[in-house]
Amino acid sequence: MDIRGMTVNDILARFPETISIFNDFGIDACCGGAVSLRDAAKRDGADIEKITAALTDRIGAARI
């Protein structure tokens, strides 16, 4: 599964332990969570590769 295509809300629902990563990268995970990670990163000025790596590290590649 490509986490970049999941919505922020879906990622948080499935992996609640990732909330701090969204906060660290300045991703609006509350009102702006209905868009894909890719779109949220673009909207909020976060580096998609860095946030994807951080999320994958936190979640574990096998769980995605």
Foldseek 3Di string as FASTA:
>chain_A
DQQQQDFLQVLCVVPVVCVVLCVVQVFPSDPRRPGGNVVSCVVRVGDSVVSSVVSCVVCPVVND
